[in-house]
Structures are given as C-alpha cells and as structure tokens.
C-alpha cells in the first residue's frame, strides 16, 4: 500500500492583528503611566522688600536662632539640642505669650531663624525643617480644636476660621544663607 504523501499546509497563527494589539498596549501604557517629578520643598516666600525701606527692628528675645553645623549638630541659641527636641522648644518659644522673659513676647512677634553651613547634611536640614513646620502645625491644630472644635487641616482654604488661626500663629521663619564653613 502506497501511502500518498499529501502536501499539508503548516498551521500558522494569523499575525495580522498583532500590530494592532501592540499599538493598543503602547497607547494604554502611555495614558496610564505617571512620571514622578521632584517638586522640591514648598515654601511661600514673603514679598520682596522695598530697597529703600529698612527691615523692621527685631527684639532679641523674639528671635530663636537654630544653627545646623557641618557635622549635623543642631544648636538652639548656641546650645546643643537633638532634632527630636526642636519641635517642643519651638512650641514653648512661640506660645510663651510673655510669661518667660527669655522667650518670645507673643506668637505674632516670634521669629525662628534657621542657619546652616555649606557642608550641612541635607537630611539633617530637612528633618530639622520638618520639626519646625510640625511645631507650627501642632500649635495651629491645638488652637483650631479649642476655638472651632475641628482640626486645622479640616478647615477649608481661605476661610475666616483658617485665617484667624494663621493670624494667631503666623509662621515667621527666617532661612539664612549658609556659611562657607
């Protein structure tokens, strides 16, 4: 018996729609993908002072000097302090209301001055800045809870209540240019 070999066609996958699928996947990933962009540190700067106007006088007791040196040590009014203690010291300094003659006269007069050196470790500077911002956030939160019974973060932007709390505890933070040392 002779087996007749038939010419069989090789099975193949239809590839005509493969380009369409690849194109759809490309469009899908372009639409869905988000690209993280470093936004830096968000600070609201005060308006530029007039060149002919002298800066307002600041009483020494209303100024809290914080220095972060090149070794990452934090000095508050020339005394060593840990980063974790910065928040409490700022809260005490700002919320003094004239009780202690060595601390600020009122929250509206209190100024926190931060100074660094060129070789200051960046992470120490950021941690210290977070502590300063956290101190003001806690002061504002406490005031908001006492006055309105709601957390400060739940107050809507540019409302009378939020502006009242901001006027009660204005953030007066001076960030000086770093020293060369």
Foldseek 3Di string as FASTA:
>chain_A
DDDDDDDDDDDDDDCPCVVVVVVVVVVVCVVPDDDDDDPPDDDDDDDDDDPVDDDDDADPLQEWEWEQELVRFIATVNHTDDLVCLLVVLLCQAPVCCVDVNGRVHLQRHEYEYEYAPNGDPVSVVSSVVSLVVSLLVQLQVVCCVPPVDGLVPDDPPDPSNVVSCNRHPHHYHYDYYHHD
